[in-house]
């Protein structure tokens, strides 16, 4: 019985650790087809509706969107799908470029 209790405690501990490894990520997306000043609003709205997105901004001048999200609830693929469905295909900017931009 003690072993069974110990095993249950260990399993519950391991199961609860999944959230401990969750990370908030910020990515920059290169957004195609932003041709007017209202396009960033459309992109921002589409990204904001993705579950797990905490903050989204879009720049018409740079043709980019910056998104902060919970990686346990959303992925970069979810973000690019959202912008594509809104008529603005996007792709992740390389990590080296993101570091240089900051």
PDB file of N, CA and C in Angstrom:
ATOM      1  N   UNK A   1       0.824  -1.199   0.000  1.00  0.00           N
ATOM      2  CA  UNK A   1       0.000   0.000   0.000  1.00  0.00           C
ATOM      3  C   UNK A   1       0.865   1.260   0.000  1.00  0.00           C
ATOM      4  N   UNK A   2       1.969   1.227   0.741  1.00  0.00           N
ATOM      5  CA  UNK A   2       2.859   2.384   0.771  1.00  0.00           C
ATOM      6  C   UNK A   2       3.479   2.623  -0.607  1.00  0.00           C
ATOM      7  N   UNK A   3       3.824   1.540  -1.280  1.00  0.00           N
ATOM      8  CA  UNK A   3       4.421   1.674  -2.605  1.00  0.00           C
ATOM      9  C   UNK A   3       3.398   2.265  -3.576  1.00  0.00           C
ATOM     10  N   UNK A   4       2.158   1.805  -3.497  1.00  0.00           N
ATOM     11  CA  UNK A   4       1.100   2.320  -4.359  1.00  0.00           C
ATOM     12  C   UNK A   4       0.915   3.824  -4.130  1.00  0.00           C
ATOM     13  N   UNK A   5       0.891   4.246  -2.887  1.00  0.00           N
ATOM     14  CA  UNK A   5       0.744   5.662  -2.549  1.00  0.00           C
ATOM     15  C   UNK A   5       1.925   6.459  -3.083  1.00  0.00           C
ATOM     16  N   UNK A   6       3.122   5.932  -2.922  1.00  0.00           N
ATOM     17  CA  UNK A   6       4.323   6.603  -3.404  1.00  0.00           C
ATOM     18  C   UNK A   6       4.306   6.740  -4.928  1.00  0.00           C
ATOM     19  N   UNK A   7       3.882   5.698  -5.614  1.00  0.00           N
ATOM     20  CA  UNK A   7       3.799   5.743  -7.073  1.00  0.00           C
ATOM     21  C   UNK A   7       2.780   6.794  -7.513  1.00  0.00           C
ATOM     22  N   UNK A   8       1.639   6.847  -6.846  1.00  0.00           N
ATOM     23  CA  UNK A   8       0.611   7.842  -7.184  1.00  0.00           C
ATOM     24  C   UNK A   8       1.136   9.261  -6.985  1.00  0.00           C
ATOM     25  N   UNK A   9       1.839   9.475  -5.904  1.00  0.00           N
ATOM     26  CA  UNK A   9       2.404  10.801  -5.630  1.00  0.00           C
ATOM     27  C   UNK A   9       3.421  11.173  -6.706  1.00  0.00           C
ATOM     28  N   UNK A  10       4.260  10.227  -7.080  1.00  0.00           N
ATOM     29  CA  UNK A  10       5.261  10.484  -8.122  1.00  0.00           C
ATOM     30  C   UNK A  10       4.599  10.811  -9.458  1.00  0.00           C
ATOM     31  N   UNK A  11       3.570  10.058  -9.813  1.00  0.00           N
ATOM     32  CA  UNK A  11       2.880  10.302 -11.073  1.00  0.00           C
ATOM     33  C   UNK A  11       2.191  11.664 -11.088  1.00  0.00           C
ATOM     34  N   UNK A  12       1.579  12.030  -9.991  1.00  0.00           N
ATOM     35  CA  UNK A  12       0.932  13.340  -9.906  1.00  0.00           C
ATOM     36  C   UNK A  12       1.956  14.467  -9.993  1.00  0.00           C
ATOM     37  N   UNK A  13       3.101  14.265  -9.383  1.00  0.00           N
ATOM     38  CA  UNK A  13       4.160  15.270  -9.435  1.00  0.00           C
ATOM     39  C   UNK A  13       4.660  15.456 -10.861  1.00  0.00           C
ATOM     40  N   UNK A  14       4.906  14.362 -11.538  1.00  0.00           N
ATOM     41  CA  UNK A  14       5.380  14.426 -12.923  1.00  0.00           C
ATOM     42  C   UNK A  14       4.319  15.058 -13.821  1.00  0.00           C
ATOM     43  N   UNK A  15       3.071  14.708 -13.624  1.00  0.00           N
ATOM     44  CA  UNK A  15       1.987  15.254 -14.443  1.00  0.00           C
ATOM     45  C   UNK A  15       1.853  16.762 -14.254  1.00  0.00           C
ATOM     46  N   UNK A  16       2.059  17.231 -13.057  1.00  0.00           N
ATOM     47  CA  UNK A  16       1.913  18.662 -12.796  1.00  0.00           C
ATOM     48  C   UNK A  16       3.124  19.463 -13.258  1.00  0.00           C
ATOM     49  N   UNK A  17       4.223  18.804 -13.566  1.00  0.00           N
ATOM     50  CA  UNK A  17       5.426  19.508 -13.999  1.00  0.00           C
ATOM     51  C   UNK A  17       5.309  20.027 -15.424  1.00  0.00           C
ATOM     52  N   UNK A  18       4.377  19.520 -16.197  1.00  0.00           N
ATOM     53  CA  UNK A  18       4.210  19.972 -17.573  1.00  0.00           C
ATOM     54  C   UNK A  18       4.022  21.470 -17.659  1.00  0.00           C
ATOM     55  N   UNK A  19       3.206  22.015 -16.806  1.00  0.00           N
ATOM     56  CA  UNK A  19       2.978  23.456 -16.798  1.00  0.00           C
ATOM     57  C   UNK A  19       4.203  24.214 -16.310  1.00  0.00           C
ATOM     58  N   UNK A  20       5.027  23.580 -15.482  1.00  0.00           N
ATOM     59  CA  UNK A  20       6.231  24.239 -14.991  1.00  0.00           C
ATOM     60  C   UNK A  20       7.201  24.516 -16.125  1.00  0.00           C
ATOM     61  N   UNK A  21       7.147  23.703 -17.183  1.00  0.00           N
ATOM     62  CA  UNK A  21       8.046  23.881 -18.305  1.00  0.00           C
ATOM     63  C   UNK A  21       7.448  24.763 -19.401  1.00  0.00           C
ATOM     64  N   UNK A  22       6.247  25.228 -19.181  1.00  0.00           N
ATOM     65  CA  UNK A  22       5.620  26.116 -20.153  1.00  0.00           C
ATOM     66  C   UNK A  22       6.398  27.424 -20.197  1.00  0.00           C
ATOM     67  N   UNK A  23       6.475  27.983 -21.365  1.00  0.00           N
ATOM     68  CA  UNK A  23       7.221  29.224 -21.497  1.00  0.00           C
ATOM     69  C   UNK A  23       6.430  30.223 -22.321  1.00  0.00           C
ATOM     70  N   UNK A  24       6.605  31.452 -21.950  1.00  0.00           N
ATOM     71  CA  UNK A  24       6.038  32.524 -22.736  1.00  0.00           C
ATOM     72  C   UNK A  24       7.051  32.808 -23.844  1.00  0.00           C
ATOM     73  N   UNK A  25       6.595  32.805 -25.064  1.00  0.00           N
ATOM     74  CA  UNK A  25       7.482  33.054 -26.199  1.00  0.00           C
ATOM     75  C   UNK A  25       7.058  34.314 -26.929  1.00  0.00           C
ATOM     76  N   UNK A  26       8.038  34.996 -27.472  1.00  0.00           N
ATOM     77  CA  UNK A  26       7.761  36.134 -28.333  1.00  0.00           C
ATOM     78  C   UNK A  26       8.431  35.865 -29.670  1.00  0.00           C
ATOM     79  N   UNK A  27       7.654  35.933 -30.736  1.00  0.00           N
ATOM     80  CA  UNK A  27       8.186  35.702 -32.080  1.00  0.00           C
ATOM     81  C   UNK A  27       7.820  36.873 -32.983  1.00  0.00           C
ATOM     82  N   UNK A  28       8.630  37.045 -33.992  1.00  0.00           N
ATOM     83  CA  UNK A  28       8.350  38.044 -35.016  1.00  0.00           C
ATOM     84  C   UNK A  28       8.018  37.310 -36.304  1.00  0.00           C
ATOM     85  N   UNK A  29       6.927  37.717 -36.914  1.00  0.00           N
ATOM     86  CA  UNK A  29       6.490  37.122 -38.173  1.00  0.00           C
ATOM     87  C   UNK A  29       6.637  38.142 -39.296  1.00  0.00           C
ATOM     88  N   UNK A  30       7.169  37.708 -40.416  1.00  0.00           N
ATOM     89  CA  UNK A  30       7.161  38.526 -41.626  1.00  0.00           C
ATOM     90  C   UNK A  30       5.798  38.298 -42.266  1.00  0.00           C
ATOM     91  N   UNK A  31       5.065  39.372 -42.494  1.00  0.00           N
ATOM     92  CA  UNK A  31       3.689  39.255 -42.984  1.00  0.00           C
ATOM     93  C   UNK A  31       3.604  39.771 -44.421  1.00  0.00           C
ATOM     94  N   UNK A  32       3.185  38.898 -45.313  1.00  0.00           N
ATOM     95  CA  UNK A  32       3.024  39.273 -46.716  1.00  0.00           C
ATOM     96  C   UNK A  32       1.650  39.905 -46.928  1.00  0.00           C
ATOM     97  N   UNK A  33       1.507  40.589 -48.033  1.00  0.00           N
ATOM     98  CA  UNK A  33       0.224  41.162 -48.467  1.00  0.00           C
ATOM     99  C   UNK A  33      -0.298  42.284 -47.577  1.00  0.00           C
ATOM    100  N   UNK A  34       0.544  42.947 -46.816  1.00  0.00           N
ATOM    101  CA  UNK A  34       0.076  44.128 -46.089  1.00  0.00           C
ATOM    102  C   UNK A  34       0.241  45.306 -47.048  1.00  0.00           C
ATOM    103  N   UNK A  35      -0.864  45.701 -47.656  1.00  0.00           N
ATOM    104  CA  UNK A  35      -0.804  46.719 -48.704  1.00  0.00           C
ATOM    105  C   UNK A  35      -1.438  48.054 -48.318  1.00  0.00           C
ATOM    106  N   UNK A  36      -2.107  48.100 -47.175  1.00  0.00           N
ATOM    107  CA  UNK A  36      -2.730  49.360 -46.767  1.00  0.00           C
ATOM    108  C   UNK A  36      -2.614  49.526 -45.252  1.00  0.00           C
ATOM    109  N   UNK A  37      -2.956  50.695 -44.782  1.00  0.00           N
ATOM    110  CA  UNK A  37      -2.774  50.997 -43.362  1.00  0.00           C
ATOM    111  C   UNK A  37      -3.749  50.263 -42.447  1.00  0.00           C
ATOM    112  N   UNK A  38      -4.809  49.659 -42.989  1.00  0.00           N
ATOM    113  CA  UNK A  38      -5.725  48.887 -42.141  1.00  0.00           C
ATOM    114  C   UNK A  38      -5.318  47.417 -42.025  1.00  0.00           C
ATOM    115  N   UNK A  39      -4.398  46.983 -42.862  1.00  0.00           N
ATOM    116  CA  UNK A  39      -3.954  45.579 -42.814  1.00  0.00           C
ATOM    117  C   UNK A  39      -3.382  45.180 -41.446  1.00  0.00           C
ATOM    118  N   UNK A  40      -2.554  46.012 -40.810  1.00  0.00           N
ATOM    119  CA  UNK A  40      -2.039  45.613 -39.493  1.00  0.00           C
ATOM    120  C   UNK A  40      -3.148  45.359 -38.472  1.00  0.00           C
ATOM    121  N   UNK A  41      -4.244  46.115 -38.568  1.00  0.00           N
ATOM    122  CA  UNK A  41      -5.373  45.885 -37.666  1.00  0.00           C
ATOM    123  C   UNK A  41      -5.947  44.488 -37.888  1.00  0.00           C
ATOM    124  N   UNK A  42      -6.095  44.098 -39.152  1.00  0.00           N
ATOM    125  CA  UNK A  42      -6.625  42.772 -39.489  1.00  0.00           C
ATOM    126  C   UNK A  42      -5.704  41.676 -38.967  1.00  0.00           C
ATOM    127  N   UNK A  43      -4.404  41.857 -39.157  1.00  0.00           N
ATOM    128  CA  UNK A  43      -3.415  40.871 -38.698  1.00  0.00           C
ATOM    129  C   UNK A  43      -3.439  40.774 -37.177  1.00  0.00           C
ATOM    130  N   UNK A  44      -3.437  41.917 -36.510  1.00  0.00           N
ATOM    131  CA  UNK A  44      -3.451  41.928 -35.040  1.00  0.00           C
ATOM    132  C   UNK A  44      -4.706  41.246 -34.505  1.00  0.00           C
ATOM    133  N   UNK A  45      -5.843  41.534 -35.103  1.00  0.00           N
ATOM    134  CA  UNK A  45      -7.097  40.926 -34.655  1.00  0.00           C
ATOM    135  C   UNK A  45      -7.061  39.413 -34.840  1.00  0.00           C
ATOM    136  N   UNK A  46      -6.571  38.953 -35.989  1.00  0.00           N
ATOM    137  CA  UNK A  46      -6.490  37.508 -36.251  1.00  0.00           C
ATOM    138  C   UNK A  46      -5.577  36.822 -35.240  1.00  0.00           C
ATOM    139  N   UNK A  47      -4.442  37.433 -34.957  1.00  0.00           N
ATOM    140  CA  UNK A  47      -3.501  36.841 -33.999  1.00  0.00           C
ATOM    141  C   UNK A  47      -4.064  36.857 -32.580  1.00  0.00           C
ATOM    142  N   UNK A  48      -4.745  37.929 -32.223  1.00  0.00           N
ATOM    143  CA  UNK A  48      -5.297  38.049 -30.867  1.00  0.00           C
ATOM    144  C   UNK A  48      -6.367  37.008 -30.580  1.00  0.00           C
ATOM    145  N   UNK A  49      -6.988  36.470 -31.621  1.00  0.00           N
ATOM    146  CA  UNK A  49      -8.037  35.474 -31.433  1.00  0.00           C
ATOM    147  C   UNK A  49      -7.499  34.055 -31.268  1.00  0.00           C
ATOM    148  N   UNK A  50      -6.200  33.870 -31.435  1.00  0.00           N
ATOM    149  CA  UNK A  50      -5.601  32.546 -31.242  1.00  0.00           C
ATOM    150  C   UNK A  50      -5.496  32.292 -29.742  1.00  0.00           C
ATOM    151  N   UNK A  51      -6.041  31.181 -29.243  1.00  0.00           N
ATOM    152  CA  UNK A  51      -5.935  30.882 -27.812  1.00  0.00           C
ATOM    153  C   UNK A  51      -4.469  30.832 -27.378  1.00  0.00           C
ATOM    154  N   UNK A  52      -4.166  31.506 -26.283  1.00  0.00           N
ATOM    155  CA  UNK A  52      -2.803  31.523 -25.762  1.00  0.00           C
ATOM    156  C   UNK A  52      -2.032  32.779 -26.109  1.00  0.00           C
ATOM    157  N   UNK A  53      -2.535  33.568 -27.064  1.00  0.00           N
ATOM    158  CA  UNK A  53      -1.848  34.807 -27.427  1.00  0.00           C
ATOM    159  C   UNK A  53      -2.113  35.845 -26.348  1.00  0.00           C
ATOM    160  N   UNK A  54      -1.028  36.397 -25.819  1.00  0.00           N
ATOM    161  CA  UNK A  54      -1.142  37.394 -24.760  1.00  0.00           C
ATOM    162  C   UNK A  54      -1.014  38.816 -25.289  1.00  0.00           C
ATOM    163  N   UNK A  55      -0.223  38.977 -26.357  1.00  0.00           N
ATOM    164  CA  UNK A  55      -0.030  40.311 -26.927  1.00  0.00           C
ATOM    165  C   UNK A  55       0.324  40.160 -28.400  1.00  0.00           C
ATOM    166  N   UNK A  56      -0.241  41.017 -29.220  1.00  0.00           N
ATOM    167  CA  UNK A  56       0.073  41.007 -30.648  1.00  0.00           C
ATOM    168  C   UNK A  56       0.148  42.440 -31.152  1.00  0.00           C
ATOM    169  N   UNK A  57       1.179  42.720 -31.924  1.00  0.00           N
ATOM    170  CA  UNK A  57       1.313  44.015 -32.580  1.00  0.00           C
ATOM    171  C   UNK A  57       1.667  43.759 -34.038  1.00  0.00           C
ATOM    172  N   UNK A  58       1.312  44.693 -34.894  1.00  0.00           N
ATOM    173  CA  UNK A  58       1.641  44.568 -36.312  1.00  0.00           C
ATOM    174  C   UNK A  58       2.094  45.925 -36.831  1.00  0.00           C
ATOM    175  N   UNK A  59       3.070  45.897 -37.726  1.00  0.00           N
ATOM    176  CA  UNK A  59       3.626  47.121 -38.284  1.00  0.00           C
ATOM    177  C   UNK A  59       3.492  47.117 -39.801  1.00  0.00           C
ATOM    178  N   UNK A  60       2.806  48.118 -40.323  1.00  0.00           N
ATOM    179  CA  UNK A  60       2.670  48.258 -41.771  1.00  0.00           C
ATOM    180  C   UNK A  60       4.015  48.612 -42.400  1.00  0.00           C
ATOM    181  N   UNK A  61       4.760  49.490 -41.742  1.00  0.00           N
ATOM    182  CA  UNK A  61       6.042  49.939 -42.274  1.00  0.00           C
ATOM    183  C   UNK A  61       7.044  48.794 -42.396  1.00  0.00           C
ATOM    184  N   UNK A  62       7.108  47.947 -41.374  1.00  0.00           N
ATOM    185  CA  UNK A  62       8.074  46.845 -41.360  1.00  0.00           C
ATOM    186  C   UNK A  62       7.530  45.569 -41.986  1.00  0.00           C
ATOM    187  N   UNK A  63       6.219  45.533 -42.211  1.00  0.00           N
ATOM    188  CA  UNK A  63       5.557  44.313 -42.720  1.00  0.00           C
ATOM    189  C   UNK A  63       5.813  43.126 -41.793  1.00  0.00           C
ATOM    190  N   UNK A  64       5.711  43.397 -40.478  1.00  0.00           N
ATOM    191  CA  UNK A  64       5.934  42.349 -39.478  1.00  0.00           C
ATOM    192  C   UNK A  64       4.838  42.378 -38.421  1.00  0.00           C
ATOM    193  N   UNK A  65       4.761  41.285 -37.690  1.00  0.00           N
ATOM    194  CA  UNK A  65       3.898  41.191 -36.509  1.00  0.00           C
ATOM    195  C   UNK A  65       4.737  40.565 -35.406  1.00  0.00           C
ATOM    196  N   UNK A  66       4.594  41.078 -34.208  1.00  0.00           N
ATOM    197  CA  UNK A  66       5.290  40.523 -33.051  1.00  0.00           C
ATOM    198  C   UNK A  66       4.231  39.983 -32.106  1.00  0.00           C
ATOM    199  N   UNK A  67       4.422  38.729 -31.692  1.00  0.00           N
ATOM    200  CA  UNK A  67       3.402  38.040 -30.906  1.00  0.00           C
ATOM    201  C   UNK A  67       4.033  37.414 -29.675  1.00  0.00           C
ATOM    202  N   UNK A  68       3.412  37.643 -28.523  1.00  0.00           N
ATOM    203  CA  UNK A  68       3.801  36.987 -27.281  1.00  0.00           C
ATOM    204  C   UNK A  68       2.692  36.002 -26.946  1.00  0.00           C
ATOM    205  N   UNK A  69       3.081  34.738 -26.728  1.00  0.00           N
ATOM    206  CA  UNK A  69       2.072  33.702 -26.517  1.00  0.00           C
ATOM    207  C   UNK A  69       2.572  32.625 -25.564  1.00  0.00           C
ATOM    208  N   UNK A  70       1.626  31.876 -25.007  1.00  0.00           N
ATOM    209  CA  UNK A  70       1.897  30.739 -24.130  1.00  0.00           C
ATOM    210  C   UNK A  70       2.092  29.524 -25.022  1.00  0.00           C
ATOM    211  N   UNK A  71       3.297  28.943 -24.990  1.00  0.00           N
ATOM    212  CA  UNK A  71       3.584  27.844 -25.920  1.00  0.00           C
ATOM    213  C   UNK A  71       2.911  26.529 -25.563  1.00  0.00           C
ATOM    214  N   UNK A  72       2.190  26.484 -24.446  1.00  0.00           N
ATOM    215  CA  UNK A  72       1.402  25.283 -24.152  1.00  0.00           C
ATOM    216  C   UNK A  72       0.014  25.371 -24.781  1.00  0.00           C
ATOM    217  N   UNK A  73      -0.357  26.569 -25.229  1.00  0.00           N
ATOM    218  CA  UNK A  73      -1.687  26.767 -25.806  1.00  0.00           C
ATOM    219  C   UNK A  73      -1.650  27.105 -27.291  1.00  0.00           C
ATOM    220  N   UNK A  74      -0.526  27.586 -27.772  1.00  0.00           N
ATOM    221  CA  UNK A  74      -0.419  27.987 -29.175  1.00  0.00           C
ATOM    222  C   UNK A  74       0.974  27.665 -29.695  1.00  0.00           C
ATOM    223  N   UNK A  75       1.074  27.612 -31.009  1.00  0.00           N
ATOM    224  CA  UNK A  75       2.367  27.369 -31.654  1.00  0.00           C
ATOM    225  C   UNK A  75       2.549  28.389 -32.774  1.00  0.00           C
ATOM    226  N   UNK A  76       3.756  28.454 -33.293  1.00  0.00           N
ATOM    227  CA  UNK A  76       4.011  29.354 -34.416  1.00  0.00           C
ATOM    228  C   UNK A  76       3.131  28.958 -35.602  1.00  0.00           C
ATOM    229  N   UNK A  77       2.912  27.668 -35.783  1.00  0.00           N
ATOM    230  CA  UNK A  77       2.032  27.203 -36.866  1.00  0.00           C
ATOM    231  C   UNK A  77       0.610  27.741 -36.681  1.00  0.00           C
ATOM    232  N   UNK A  78       0.130  27.786 -35.440  1.00  0.00           N
ATOM    233  CA  UNK A  78      -1.204  28.351 -35.178  1.00  0.00           C
ATOM    234  C   UNK A  78      -1.249  29.830 -35.570  1.00  0.00           C
ATOM    235  N   UNK A  79      -0.174  30.537 -35.277  1.00  0.00           N
ATOM    236  CA  UNK A  79      -0.113  31.967 -35.578  1.00  0.00           C
ATOM    237  C   UNK A  79      -0.088  32.208 -37.086  1.00  0.00           C
ATOM    238  N   UNK A  80       0.744  31.456 -37.795  1.00  0.00           N
ATOM    239  CA  UNK A  80       0.822  31.645 -39.248  1.00  0.00           C
ATOM    240  C   UNK A  80      -0.470  31.212 -39.937  1.00  0.00           C
ATOM    241  N   UNK A  81      -1.134  30.215 -39.394  1.00  0.00           N
ATOM    242  CA  UNK A  81      -2.433  29.802 -39.943  1.00  0.00           C
ATOM    243  C   UNK A  81      -3.457  30.918 -39.769  1.00  0.00           C
ATOM    244  N   UNK A  82      -3.442  31.561 -38.610  1.00  0.00           N
ATOM    245  CA  UNK A  82      -4.393  32.648 -38.345  1.00  0.00           C
ATOM    246  C   UNK A  82      -4.186  33.807 -39.313  1.00  0.00           C
ATOM    247  N   UNK A  83      -2.937  34.189 -39.549  1.00  0.00           N
ATOM    248  CA  UNK A  83      -2.706  35.302 -40.476  1.00  0.00           C
ATOM    249  C   UNK A  83      -3.044  34.901 -41.912  1.00  0.00           C
ATOM    250  N   UNK A  84      -2.731  33.664 -42.289  1.00  0.00           N
ATOM    251  CA  UNK A  84      -3.054  33.185 -43.639  1.00  0.00           C
ATOM    252  C   UNK A  84      -4.571  33.188 -43.852  1.00  0.00           C
ATOM    253  N   UNK A  85      -5.315  32.723 -42.850  1.00  0.00           N
ATOM    254  CA  UNK A  85      -6.775  32.701 -42.955  1.00  0.00           C
ATOM    255  C   UNK A  85      -7.366  34.109 -43.036  1.00  0.00           C
ATOM    256  N   UNK A  86      -6.627  35.090 -42.529  1.00  0.00           N
ATOM    257  CA  UNK A  86      -7.078  36.485 -42.599  1.00  0.00           C
ATOM    258  C   UNK A  86      -6.620  37.156 -43.901  1.00  0.00           C
ATOM    259  N   UNK A  87      -5.969  36.390 -44.781  1.00  0.00           N
ATOM    260  CA  UNK A  87      -5.543  36.931 -46.063  1.00  0.00           C
ATOM    261  C   UNK A  87      -4.135  37.481 -46.088  1.00  0.00           C
ATOM    262  N   UNK A  88      -3.379  37.202 -45.024  1.00  0.00           N
ATOM    263  CA  UNK A  88      -2.018  37.724 -44.923  1.00  0.00           C
ATOM    264  C   UNK A  88      -1.054  36.603 -44.538  1.00  0.00           C
ATOM    265  N   UNK A  89      -0.582  35.840 -45.512  1.00  0.00           N
ATOM    266  CA  UNK A  89       0.363  34.761 -45.193  1.00  0.00           C
ATOM    267  C   UNK A  89       1.577  35.314 -44.442  1.00  0.00           C
ATOM    268  N   UNK A  90       2.101  34.523 -43.531  1.00  0.00           N
ATOM    269  CA  UNK A  90       3.255  34.974 -42.754  1.00  0.00           C
ATOM    270  C   UNK A  90       4.212  33.820 -42.529  1.00  0.00           C
ATOM    271  N   UNK A  91       5.402  34.180 -42.104  1.00  0.00           N
ATOM    272  CA  UNK A  91       6.413  33.180 -41.759  1.00  0.00           C
ATOM    273  C   UNK A  91       7.250  33.751 -40.632  1.00  0.00           C
ATOM    274  N   UNK A  92       7.812  32.862 -39.852  1.00  0.00           N
ATOM    275  CA  UNK A  92       8.639  33.300 -38.734  1.00  0.00           C
ATOM    276  C   UNK A  92       9.940  33.886 -39.261  1.00  0.00           C
ATOM    277  N   UNK A  93      10.308  35.036 -38.707  1.00  0.00           N
ATOM    278  CA  UNK A  93      11.590  35.646 -39.023  1.00  0.00           C
ATOM    279  C   UNK A  93      12.644  34.841 -38.285  1.00  0.00           C
ATOM    280  N   UNK A  94      13.802  34.647 -38.878  1.00  0.00           N
ATOM    281  CA  UNK A  94      14.835  33.831 -38.231  1.00  0.00           C
ATOM    282  C   UNK A  94      15.208  34.413 -36.877  1.00  0.00           C
ATOM    283  N   UNK A  95      15.612  33.538 -35.961  1.00  0.00           N
ATOM    284  CA  UNK A  95      15.949  33.962 -34.606  1.00  0.00           C
ATOM    285  C   UNK A  95      17.122  34.936 -34.598  1.00  0.00           C
ATOM    286  N   UNK A  96      18.103  34.755 -35.486  1.00  0.00           N
ATOM    287  CA  UNK A  96      19.239  35.675 -35.537  1.00  0.00           C
ATOM    288  C   UNK A  96      18.775  37.070 -35.916  1.00  0.00           C
ATOM    289  N   UNK A  97      17.845  37.164 -36.861  1.00  0.00           N
ATOM    290  CA  UNK A  97      17.319  38.458 -37.266  1.00  0.00           C
ATOM    291  C   UNK A  97      16.549  39.104 -36.121  1.00  0.00           C
ATOM    292  N   UNK A  98      15.780  38.298 -35.367  1.00  0.00           N
ATOM    293  CA  UNK A  98      15.024  38.825 -34.229  1.00  0.00           C
ATOM    294  C   UNK A  98      15.970  39.427 -33.200  1.00  0.00           C
ATOM    295  N   UNK A  99      17.101  38.758 -32.934  1.00  0.00           N
ATOM    296  CA  UNK A  99      18.069  39.269 -31.962  1.00  0.00           C
ATOM    297  C   UNK A  99      18.675  40.582 -32.442  1.00  0.00           C
ATOM    298  N   UNK A 100      18.991  40.686 -33.728  1.00  0.00           N
ATOM    299  CA  UNK A 100      19.564  41.910 -34.274  1.00  0.00           C
ATOM    300  C   UNK A 100      18.570  43.062 -34.226  1.00  0.00           C
ATOM    301  N   UNK A 101      17.305  42.762 -34.417  1.00  0.00           N
ATOM    302  CA  UNK A 101      16.274  43.796 -34.425  1.00  0.00           C
ATOM    303  C   UNK A 101      16.027  44.378 -33.040  1.00  0.00           C
ATOM    304  N   UNK A 102      16.368  43.637 -32.006  1.00  0.00           N
ATOM    305  CA  UNK A 102      16.105  44.117 -30.641  1.00  0.00           C
ATOM    306  C   UNK A 102      17.229  44.918 -30.154  1.00  0.00           C
TER     307      UNK A 102
END
